[in-house]
Amino acid sequence: MDTENSTALQLKKKVKPRKRIINFFLSLYDINKFIIRFFKEAFVPPFEFKEIVRQCYEVGVRSFTLISLTGFIVGLIFTKQSRPSLGQFGATSWLPSLVSIAIMRALAPLVTALIAAGKVGSSIGAELGSMRVTEQIDAMEVSGTKPFKFLVCTRVLATTLTIPILATYTALIAILGGYVNVATNEGTSYSTYMQQVFDPLTFVDFTASLIKSIVFGFTIGIVGCYQGYNSTKGTEGVGKAANGAVVTAMFLIFIEEIVIVQISSWFR
């Protein structure tokens, strides 16, 4: 009996990793299927323009205050922390150029995406998750409407369109925060500061920042919608959908940041 029990335990241990591997590839298949379905339905009429505009308002305007405050603090703190290092080499005059390069190339898109992942991604996951567990999505399907187009496509398009705008705004506010610190310590005029800010920037910097923002926005929208649209297990599933949307989106954003930085470095 002991031998049989030990053999059964060993078989169970072997089966569990296999199930995990199988479930992993099944989830990848479901995600790819979900993304393909989005591209099939998003650009086929009828278009839900009113809902897209409403979602852009939810994503953009509702995040405006938080983005403004965060962007200003990022620019101010980054300038303040960079000053001592440059001061050791007598290169504080390079501070505006350093601030602009760091903000445009990395900080503005990344900070905006992380804030949106936490605020917007969790909101989308929780909203769609609650609609799924309360069977509102099933009711929409029965009534003949297209819940995927109305709920998923509109939100993904809204995040894809709005995050680049928010990232550009974050960059401008962060540069303004840097100006406050530079003007306070060096007395640099606004026109001189702005000239030094935009001199080192190239077309590749602006393009890479825009591409990052678009990719980040799409990632936040598609992850939040996938987690919420496929949530289960009642109210517990709603919490897991919101949490999963934030964690997964942030993880993918960091991976995409690495990949895009590496690709853009080839063109510099």
C-alpha atoms as a PDB file:
ATOM      1  CA  MET A   1       0.000   0.000   0.000  1.00  0.00           C
ATOM      2  CA  ASP A   2       2.798   2.402   0.871  1.00  0.00           C
ATOM      3  CA  THR A   3       4.441   1.719  -2.474  1.00  0.00           C
ATOM      4  CA  GLU A   4       1.170   2.381  -4.318  1.00  0.00           C
ATOM      5  CA  ASN A   5       0.602   5.630  -2.427  1.00  0.00           C
ATOM      6  CA  SER A   6       4.110   6.864  -3.159  1.00  0.00           C
ATOM      7  CA  THR A   7       3.690   5.976  -6.834  1.00  0.00           C
ATOM      8  CA  ALA A   8       0.388   7.886  -6.957  1.00  0.00           C
ATOM      9  CA  LEU A   9       1.983  10.947  -5.349  1.00  0.00           C
ATOM     10  CA  GLN A  10       4.832  10.892  -7.855  1.00  0.00           C
ATOM     11  CA  LEU A  11       2.353  10.719 -10.731  1.00  0.00           C
ATOM     12  CA  LYS A  12       0.422  13.678  -9.307  1.00  0.00           C
ATOM     13  CA  LYS A  13       3.622  15.684  -9.023  1.00  0.00           C
ATOM     14  CA  LYS A  14       4.407  14.956 -12.655  1.00  0.00           C
ATOM     15  CA  VAL A  15       0.896  15.812 -13.819  1.00  0.00           C
ATOM     16  CA  LYS A  16       0.779  19.239 -12.102  1.00  0.00           C
ATOM     17  CA  PRO A  17       3.677  20.788 -14.096  1.00  0.00           C
ATOM     18  CA  ARG A  18       2.173  19.403 -17.289  1.00  0.00           C
ATOM     19  CA  LYS A  19      -1.185  20.974 -16.461  1.00  0.00           C
ATOM     20  CA  ARG A  20       0.499  24.281 -15.756  1.00  0.00           C
ATOM     21  CA  ILE A  21       2.348  24.190 -19.073  1.00  0.00           C
ATOM     22  CA  ILE A  22      -0.826  23.242 -20.929  1.00  0.00           C
ATOM     23  CA  ASN A  23      -2.820  25.969 -19.188  1.00  0.00           C
ATOM     24  CA  PHE A  24      -0.090  28.493 -20.013  1.00  0.00           C
ATOM     25  CA  PHE A  25      -0.234  27.736 -23.736  1.00  0.00           C
ATOM     26  CA  LEU A  26      -4.038  27.675 -23.644  1.00  0.00           C
ATOM     27  CA  SER A  27      -4.054  31.119 -22.067  1.00  0.00           C
ATOM     28  CA  LEU A  28      -1.642  32.370 -24.764  1.00  0.00           C
ATOM     29  CA  TYR A  29      -4.010  31.000 -27.383  1.00  0.00           C
ATOM     30  CA  ASP A  30      -6.975  32.758 -25.761  1.00  0.00           C
ATOM     31  CA  ILE A  31      -5.057  36.053 -25.579  1.00  0.00           C
ATOM     32  CA  ASN A  32      -4.040  35.868 -29.248  1.00  0.00           C
ATOM     33  CA  LYS A  33      -7.606  34.999 -30.190  1.00  0.00           C
ATOM     34  CA  PHE A  34      -8.856  37.983 -28.176  1.00  0.00           C
ATOM     35  CA  ILE A  35      -6.403  40.374 -29.878  1.00  0.00           C
ATOM     36  CA  ILE A  36      -7.226  39.045 -33.359  1.00  0.00           C
ATOM     37  CA  ARG A  37     -10.927  39.465 -32.620  1.00  0.00           C
ATOM     38  CA  PHE A  38     -10.289  43.077 -31.634  1.00  0.00           C
ATOM     39  CA  PHE A  39      -8.591  43.884 -34.961  1.00  0.00           C
ATOM     40  CA  LYS A  40     -11.386  42.125 -36.852  1.00  0.00           C
ATOM     41  CA  GLU A  41     -14.168  44.098 -35.161  1.00  0.00           C
ATOM     42  CA  ALA A  42     -12.555  47.458 -34.328  1.00  0.00           C
ATOM     43  CA  PHE A  43     -12.237  48.684 -37.914  1.00  0.00           C
ATOM     44  CA  VAL A  44     -15.468  47.251 -39.290  1.00  0.00           C
ATOM     45  CA  PRO A  45     -18.668  49.371 -39.246  1.00  0.00           C
ATOM     46  CA  PRO A  46     -20.785  50.270 -37.413  1.00  0.00           C
ATOM     47  CA  PHE A  47     -18.431  52.388 -35.314  1.00  0.00           C
ATOM     48  CA  GLU A  48     -19.282  53.432 -31.781  1.00  0.00           C
ATOM     49  CA  PHE A  49     -17.983  57.009 -32.023  1.00  0.00           C
ATOM     50  CA  LYS A  50     -19.955  58.330 -29.047  1.00  0.00           C
ATOM     51  CA  GLU A  51     -18.700  55.570 -26.778  1.00  0.00           C
ATOM     52  CA  ILE A  52     -15.111  56.068 -27.981  1.00  0.00           C
ATOM     53  CA  VAL A  53     -15.336  59.790 -27.170  1.00  0.00           C
ATOM     54  CA  ARG A  54     -16.832  59.004 -23.756  1.00  0.00           C
ATOM     55  CA  GLN A  55     -14.052  56.528 -23.001  1.00  0.00           C
ATOM     56  CA  CYS A  56     -11.418  59.053 -24.147  1.00  0.00           C
ATOM     57  CA  TYR A  57     -12.935  61.473 -21.651  1.00  0.00           C
ATOM     58  CA  GLU A  58     -12.809  58.821 -18.905  1.00  0.00           C
ATOM     59  CA  VAL A  59      -9.191  57.934 -19.689  1.00  0.00           C
ATOM     60  CA  GLY A  60      -7.857  61.423 -20.421  1.00  0.00           C
ATOM     61  CA  VAL A  61      -9.774  64.123 -18.597  1.00  0.00           C
ATOM     62  CA  ARG A  62     -10.340  62.070 -15.455  1.00  0.00           C
ATOM     63  CA  SER A  63      -6.580  61.419 -15.252  1.00  0.00           C
ATOM     64  CA  PHE A  64      -5.613  65.025 -16.021  1.00  0.00           C
ATOM     65  CA  THR A  65      -5.060  66.217 -12.455  1.00  0.00           C
ATOM     66  CA  LEU A  66      -3.033  63.176 -11.405  1.00  0.00           C
ATOM     67  CA  ILE A  67      -0.918  63.300 -14.567  1.00  0.00           C
ATOM     68  CA  SER A  68      -0.243  67.035 -14.123  1.00  0.00           C
ATOM     69  CA  LEU A  69       0.880  66.671 -10.529  1.00  0.00           C
ATOM     70  CA  THR A  70       3.016  63.603 -11.217  1.00  0.00           C
ATOM     71  CA  GLY A  71       4.659  65.090 -14.317  1.00  0.00           C
ATOM     72  CA  PHE A  72       5.579  68.313 -12.552  1.00  0.00           C
ATOM     73  CA  ILE A  73       7.048  66.457  -9.552  1.00  0.00           C
ATOM     74  CA  VAL A  74       9.015  64.077 -11.809  1.00  0.00           C
ATOM     75  CA  GLY A  75      10.636  66.977 -13.684  1.00  0.00           C
ATOM     76  CA  LEU A  76      11.359  68.915 -10.497  1.00  0.00           C
ATOM     77  CA  ILE A  77      12.807  65.967  -8.563  1.00  0.00           C
ATOM     78  CA  PHE A  78      14.833  64.613 -11.491  1.00  0.00           C
ATOM     79  CA  THR A  79      16.430  68.032 -12.030  1.00  0.00           C
ATOM     80  CA  LYS A  80      17.113  68.447  -8.334  1.00  0.00           C
ATOM     81  CA  GLN A  81      18.713  64.987  -8.038  1.00  0.00           C
ATOM     82  CA  SER A  82      20.824  65.411 -11.192  1.00  0.00           C
ATOM     83  CA  ARG A  83      22.280  68.768 -10.155  1.00  0.00           C
ATOM     84  CA  PRO A  84      24.873  67.502  -7.588  1.00  0.00           C
ATOM     85  CA  SER A  85      26.301  64.940 -10.029  1.00  0.00           C
ATOM     86  CA  LEU A  86      26.722  67.485 -12.813  1.00  0.00           C
ATOM     87  CA  GLY A  87      27.968  70.080 -10.349  1.00  0.00           C
ATOM     88  CA  GLN A  88      30.961  67.882  -9.473  1.00  0.00           C
ATOM     89  CA  PHE A  89      32.177  68.275 -13.058  1.00  0.00           C
ATOM     90  CA  GLY A  90      31.110  71.904 -13.431  1.00  0.00           C
ATOM     91  CA  ALA A  91      28.524  70.895 -16.009  1.00  0.00           C
ATOM     92  CA  THR A  92      25.310  72.288 -14.531  1.00  0.00           C
ATOM     93  CA  SER A  93      24.762  74.169 -17.785  1.00  0.00           C
ATOM     94  CA  TRP A  94      24.005  70.796 -19.380  1.00  0.00           C
ATOM     95  CA  LEU A  95      21.121  70.220 -16.981  1.00  0.00           C
ATOM     96  CA  PRO A  96      18.300  71.349 -19.347  1.00  0.00           C
ATOM     97  CA  SER A  97      19.621  69.040 -22.079  1.00  0.00           C
ATOM     98  CA  LEU A  98      19.868  66.116 -19.673  1.00  0.00           C
ATOM     99  CA  VAL A  99      16.338  66.727 -18.403  1.00  0.00           C
ATOM    100  CA  SER A 100      14.843  66.930 -21.883  1.00  0.00           C
ATOM    101  CA  ILE A 101      16.572  63.773 -23.135  1.00  0.00           C
ATOM    102  CA  ALA A 102      15.612  61.731 -20.060  1.00  0.00           C
ATOM    103  CA  ILE A 103      12.017  62.936 -20.067  1.00  0.00           C
ATOM    104  CA  MET A 104      11.342  62.611 -23.780  1.00  0.00           C
ATOM    105  CA  ARG A 105      13.129  59.308 -24.278  1.00  0.00           C
ATOM    106  CA  ALA A 106      11.961  57.441 -21.190  1.00  0.00           C
ATOM    107  CA  LEU A 107      10.287  59.157 -18.255  1.00  0.00           C
ATOM    108  CA  ALA A 108       7.236  60.794 -19.845  1.00  0.00           C
ATOM    109  CA  PRO A 109       5.849  57.734 -21.709  1.00  0.00           C
ATOM    110  CA  LEU A 110       6.797  55.329 -18.927  1.00  0.00           C
ATOM    111  CA  VAL A 111       5.406  57.366 -16.019  1.00  0.00           C
ATOM    112  CA  THR A 112       2.194  58.103 -17.921  1.00  0.00           C
ATOM    113  CA  ALA A 113       1.721  54.440 -18.819  1.00  0.00           C
ATOM    114  CA  LEU A 114       2.341  53.232 -15.261  1.00  0.00           C
ATOM    115  CA  ILE A 115      -0.135  55.732 -13.831  1.00  0.00           C
ATOM    116  CA  ALA A 116      -2.707  54.808 -16.476  1.00  0.00           C
ATOM    117  CA  ALA A 117      -2.136  51.095 -15.850  1.00  0.00           C
ATOM    118  CA  GLY A 118      -2.897  51.601 -12.173  1.00  0.00           C
ATOM    119  CA  LYS A 119      -5.850  53.949 -12.615  1.00  0.00           C
ATOM    120  CA  VAL A 120      -7.380  53.130 -15.992  1.00  0.00           C
ATOM    121  CA  GLY A 121      -6.391  49.464 -16.309  1.00  0.00           C
ATOM    122  CA  SER A 122      -7.834  48.513 -12.932  1.00  0.00           C
ATOM    123  CA  SER A 123     -11.002  50.500 -13.672  1.00  0.00           C
ATOM    124  CA  ILE A 124     -11.545  48.723 -16.997  1.00  0.00           C
ATOM    125  CA  GLY A 125     -10.855  45.298 -15.480  1.00  0.00           C
ATOM    126  CA  ALA A 126     -13.223  45.889 -12.561  1.00  0.00           C
ATOM    127  CA  GLU A 127     -15.975  47.407 -14.722  1.00  0.00           C
ATOM    128  CA  LEU A 128     -16.022  44.654 -17.333  1.00  0.00           C
ATOM    129  CA  GLY A 129     -15.498  42.009 -14.640  1.00  0.00           C
ATOM    130  CA  SER A 130     -18.567  43.171 -12.734  1.00  0.00           C
ATOM    131  CA  MET A 131     -20.583  43.205 -15.971  1.00  0.00           C
ATOM    132  CA  ARG A 132     -19.458  39.659 -16.705  1.00  0.00           C
ATOM    133  CA  VAL A 133     -20.252  38.188 -13.282  1.00  0.00           C
ATOM    134  CA  THR A 134     -23.646  39.945 -13.147  1.00  0.00           C
ATOM    135  CA  GLU A 135     -24.398  38.521 -16.640  1.00  0.00           C
ATOM    136  CA  GLN A 136     -24.882  41.937 -18.244  1.00  0.00           C
ATOM    137  CA  ILE A 137     -22.579  40.953 -21.106  1.00  0.00           C
ATOM    138  CA  ASP A 138     -24.580  37.758 -21.668  1.00  0.00           C
ATOM    139  CA  ALA A 139     -27.764  39.841 -21.710  1.00  0.00           C
ATOM    140  CA  MET A 140     -26.266  42.121 -24.367  1.00  0.00           C
ATOM    141  CA  GLU A 141     -25.413  39.109 -26.523  1.00  0.00           C
ATOM    142  CA  VAL A 142     -28.938  37.714 -26.169  1.00  0.00           C
ATOM    143  CA  SER A 143     -30.494  41.082 -27.074  1.00  0.00           C
ATOM    144  CA  GLY A 144     -28.621  41.101 -30.390  1.00  0.00           C
ATOM    145  CA  THR A 145     -26.060  43.820 -29.615  1.00  0.00           C
ATOM    146  CA  LYS A 146     -22.334  43.313 -29.995  1.00  0.00           C
ATOM    147  CA  PRO A 147     -20.842  43.624 -26.512  1.00  0.00           C
ATOM    148  CA  PHE A 148     -17.291  42.999 -27.716  1.00  0.00           C
ATOM    149  CA  LYS A 149     -17.365  45.941 -30.123  1.00  0.00           C
ATOM    150  CA  PHE A 150     -19.173  48.237 -27.663  1.00  0.00           C
ATOM    151  CA  LEU A 151     -17.220  47.321 -24.518  1.00  0.00           C
ATOM    152  CA  VAL A 152     -13.785  46.150 -25.668  1.00  0.00           C
ATOM    153  CA  CYS A 153     -13.040  47.888 -28.964  1.00  0.00           C
ATOM    154  CA  THR A 154     -14.074  51.319 -27.704  1.00  0.00           C
ATOM    155  CA  ARG A 155     -11.943  51.087 -24.558  1.00  0.00           C
ATOM    156  CA  VAL A 156      -8.845  49.793 -26.345  1.00  0.00           C
ATOM    157  CA  LEU A 157      -9.110  52.487 -29.020  1.00  0.00           C
ATOM    158  CA  ALA A 158      -9.617  55.131 -26.329  1.00  0.00           C
ATOM    159  CA  THR A 159      -6.485  54.144 -24.408  1.00  0.00           C
ATOM    160  CA  THR A 160      -4.473  53.822 -27.632  1.00  0.00           C
ATOM    161  CA  LEU A 161      -5.471  57.342 -28.712  1.00  0.00           C
ATOM    162  CA  THR A 162      -5.384  59.060 -25.320  1.00  0.00           C
ATOM    163  CA  ILE A 163      -2.160  57.775 -23.734  1.00  0.00           C
ATOM    164  CA  PRO A 164       0.085  59.442 -26.403  1.00  0.00           C
ATOM    165  CA  ILE A 165      -1.683  62.764 -25.734  1.00  0.00           C
ATOM    166  CA  LEU A 166      -1.243  62.349 -21.993  1.00  0.00           C
ATOM    167  CA  ALA A 167       2.419  61.376 -22.440  1.00  0.00           C
ATOM    168  CA  THR A 168       3.099  64.511 -24.510  1.00  0.00           C
ATOM    169  CA  TYR A 169       1.390  66.621 -21.868  1.00  0.00           C
ATOM    170  CA  THR A 170       3.390  64.873 -19.127  1.00  0.00           C
ATOM    171  CA  ALA A 171       6.631  65.669 -20.966  1.00  0.00           C
ATOM    172  CA  LEU A 172       5.752  69.377 -21.213  1.00  0.00           C
ATOM    173  CA  ILE A 173       4.739  69.569 -17.551  1.00  0.00           C
ATOM    174  CA  ALA A 174       7.900  67.703 -16.471  1.00  0.00           C
ATOM    175  CA  ILE A 175      10.053  70.104 -18.505  1.00  0.00           C
ATOM    176  CA  LEU A 176       8.238  72.971 -16.813  1.00  0.00           C
ATOM    177  CA  GLY A 177       9.014  71.396 -13.431  1.00  0.00           C
ATOM    178  CA  GLY A 178      12.662  71.232 -14.434  1.00  0.00           C
ATOM    179  CA  TYR A 179      12.570  74.904 -15.417  1.00  0.00           C
ATOM    180  CA  VAL A 180      11.338  75.879 -11.946  1.00  0.00           C
ATOM    181  CA  ASN A 181      14.379  74.240 -10.382  1.00  0.00           C
ATOM    182  CA  VAL A 182      16.860  75.608 -12.939  1.00  0.00           C
ATOM    183  CA  ALA A 183      15.438  79.136 -12.772  1.00  0.00           C
ATOM    184  CA  THR A 184      15.517  79.080  -8.975  1.00  0.00           C
ATOM    185  CA  ASN A 185      19.174  78.024  -8.766  1.00  0.00           C
ATOM    186  CA  GLU A 186      20.763  79.556 -11.888  1.00  0.00           C
ATOM    187  CA  GLY A 187      18.299  82.306 -12.806  1.00  0.00           C
ATOM    188  CA  THR A 188      18.093  80.971 -16.385  1.00  0.00           C
ATOM    189  CA  SER A 189      15.487  82.723 -18.511  1.00  0.00           C
ATOM    190  CA  TYR A 190      12.553  80.777 -19.928  1.00  0.00           C
ATOM    191  CA  SER A 191      13.582  81.280 -23.587  1.00  0.00           C
ATOM    192  CA  THR A 192      17.176  80.178 -22.928  1.00  0.00           C
ATOM    193  CA  TYR A 193      16.004  77.144 -20.994  1.00  0.00           C
ATOM    194  CA  MET A 194      13.604  76.056 -23.745  1.00  0.00           C
ATOM    195  CA  GLN A 195      16.274  76.484 -26.403  1.00  0.00           C
ATOM    196  CA  GLN A 196      18.656  74.269 -24.418  1.00  0.00           C
ATOM    197  CA  VAL A 197      15.849  71.752 -23.865  1.00  0.00           C
ATOM    198  CA  PHE A 198      14.961  71.230 -27.527  1.00  0.00           C
ATOM    199  CA  ASP A 199      18.462  71.491 -29.036  1.00  0.00           C
ATOM    200  CA  PRO A 200      19.595  67.903 -28.250  1.00  0.00           C
ATOM    201  CA  LEU A 201      16.297  66.278 -29.227  1.00  0.00           C
ATOM    202  CA  THR A 202      16.054  64.559 -32.600  1.00  0.00           C
ATOM    203  CA  PHE A 203      13.276  63.210 -34.788  1.00  0.00           C
ATOM    204  CA  VAL A 204      14.065  59.695 -33.546  1.00  0.00           C
ATOM    205  CA  ASP A 205      13.450  60.788 -29.948  1.00  0.00           C
ATOM    206  CA  PHE A 206       9.991  62.160 -30.720  1.00  0.00           C
ATOM    207  CA  THR A 207       9.093  59.177 -32.911  1.00  0.00           C
ATOM    208  CA  ALA A 208      10.250  56.607 -30.365  1.00  0.00           C
ATOM    209  CA  SER A 209       8.339  58.397 -27.604  1.00  0.00           C
ATOM    210  CA  LEU A 210       5.174  58.447 -29.710  1.00  0.00           C
ATOM    211  CA  ILE A 211       5.479  54.767 -30.644  1.00  0.00           C
ATOM    212  CA  LYS A 212       6.051  53.852 -26.999  1.00  0.00           C
ATOM    213  CA  SER A 213       2.952  55.736 -25.924  1.00  0.00           C
ATOM    214  CA  ILE A 214       0.783  54.096 -28.585  1.00  0.00           C
ATOM    215  CA  VAL A 215       2.044  50.610 -27.695  1.00  0.00           C
ATOM    216  CA  PHE A 216       1.632  51.267 -23.974  1.00  0.00           C
ATOM    217  CA  GLY A 217      -1.903  52.562 -24.478  1.00  0.00           C
ATOM    218  CA  PHE A 218      -2.889  49.535 -26.530  1.00  0.00           C
ATOM    219  CA  THR A 219      -1.369  47.215 -23.919  1.00  0.00           C
ATOM    220  CA  ILE A 220      -3.238  48.856 -21.033  1.00  0.00           C
ATOM    221  CA  GLY A 221      -6.549  48.701 -22.896  1.00  0.00           C
ATOM    222  CA  ILE A 222      -6.267  45.151 -24.219  1.00  0.00           C
ATOM    223  CA  VAL A 223      -5.014  43.704 -20.915  1.00  0.00           C
ATOM    224  CA  GLY A 224      -7.711  45.430 -18.854  1.00  0.00           C
ATOM    225  CA  CYS A 225     -10.441  44.347 -21.260  1.00  0.00           C
ATOM    226  CA  TYR A 226      -9.180  40.764 -21.467  1.00  0.00           C
ATOM    227  CA  GLN A 227      -8.986  40.385 -17.702  1.00  0.00           C
ATOM    228  CA  GLY A 228     -12.438  41.865 -17.157  1.00  0.00           C
ATOM    229  CA  TYR A 229     -14.190  40.295 -20.142  1.00  0.00           C
ATOM    230  CA  ASN A 230     -13.054  36.795 -19.147  1.00  0.00           C
ATOM    231  CA  SER A 231     -13.408  37.106 -15.366  1.00  0.00           C
ATOM    232  CA  THR A 232     -15.203  34.374 -13.382  1.00  0.00           C
ATOM    233  CA  LYS A 233     -15.972  33.330  -9.785  1.00  0.00           C
ATOM    234  CA  GLY A 234     -18.286  36.176  -8.828  1.00  0.00           C
ATOM    235  CA  THR A 235     -17.096  39.163  -6.838  1.00  0.00           C
ATOM    236  CA  GLU A 236     -13.751  37.468  -6.181  1.00  0.00           C
ATOM    237  CA  GLY A 237     -13.207  37.362  -9.933  1.00  0.00           C
ATOM    238  CA  VAL A 238     -13.801  41.117 -10.192  1.00  0.00           C
ATOM    239  CA  GLY A 239     -10.986  41.806  -7.727  1.00  0.00           C
ATOM    240  CA  LYS A 240      -8.687  39.380  -9.521  1.00  0.00           C
ATOM    241  CA  ALA A 241      -9.508  40.983 -12.870  1.00  0.00           C
ATOM    242  CA  ALA A 242      -8.651  44.471 -11.583  1.00  0.00           C
ATOM    243  CA  ASN A 243      -5.454  43.271  -9.913  1.00  0.00           C
ATOM    244  CA  GLY A 244      -4.436  41.145 -12.891  1.00  0.00           C
ATOM    245  CA  ALA A 245      -4.998  44.060 -15.274  1.00  0.00           C
ATOM    246  CA  VAL A 246      -2.616  46.291 -13.301  1.00  0.00           C
ATOM    247  CA  VAL A 247       0.134  43.724 -12.675  1.00  0.00           C
ATOM    248  CA  THR A 248       0.127  42.260 -16.190  1.00  0.00           C
ATOM    249  CA  ALA A 249      -0.010  45.658 -17.904  1.00  0.00           C
ATOM    250  CA  MET A 250       2.892  47.014 -15.842  1.00  0.00           C
ATOM    251  CA  PHE A 251       4.992  43.918 -16.527  1.00  0.00           C
ATOM    252  CA  LEU A 252       4.350  44.135 -20.278  1.00  0.00           C
ATOM    253  CA  ILE A 253       5.055  47.881 -20.278  1.00  0.00           C
ATOM    254  CA  PHE A 254       8.545  47.301 -18.860  1.00  0.00           C
ATOM    255  CA  ILE A 255       9.206  44.554 -21.423  1.00  0.00           C
ATOM    256  CA  GLU A 256       8.016  46.791 -24.273  1.00  0.00           C
ATOM    257  CA  GLU A 257      10.145  49.650 -22.936  1.00  0.00           C
ATOM    258  CA  ILE A 258      13.271  47.496 -23.163  1.00  0.00           C
ATOM    259  CA  VAL A 259      12.444  46.298 -26.682  1.00  0.00           C
ATOM    260  CA  ILE A 260      11.580  49.749 -28.089  1.00  0.00           C
ATOM    261  CA  VAL A 261      14.650  51.368 -26.494  1.00  0.00           C
ATOM    262  CA  GLN A 262      16.860  48.715 -28.077  1.00  0.00           C
ATOM    263  CA  ILE A 263      15.260  49.155 -31.507  1.00  0.00           C
ATOM    264  CA  SER A 264      15.363  52.971 -31.385  1.00  0.00           C
ATOM    265  CA  SER A 265      19.052  52.891 -30.392  1.00  0.00           C
ATOM    266  CA  TRP A 266      19.822  51.295 -33.768  1.00  0.00           C
ATOM    267  CA  PHE A 267      18.661  54.496 -35.536  1.00  0.00           C
ATOM    268  CA  ARG A 268      20.635  56.951 -33.419  1.00  0.00           C
END
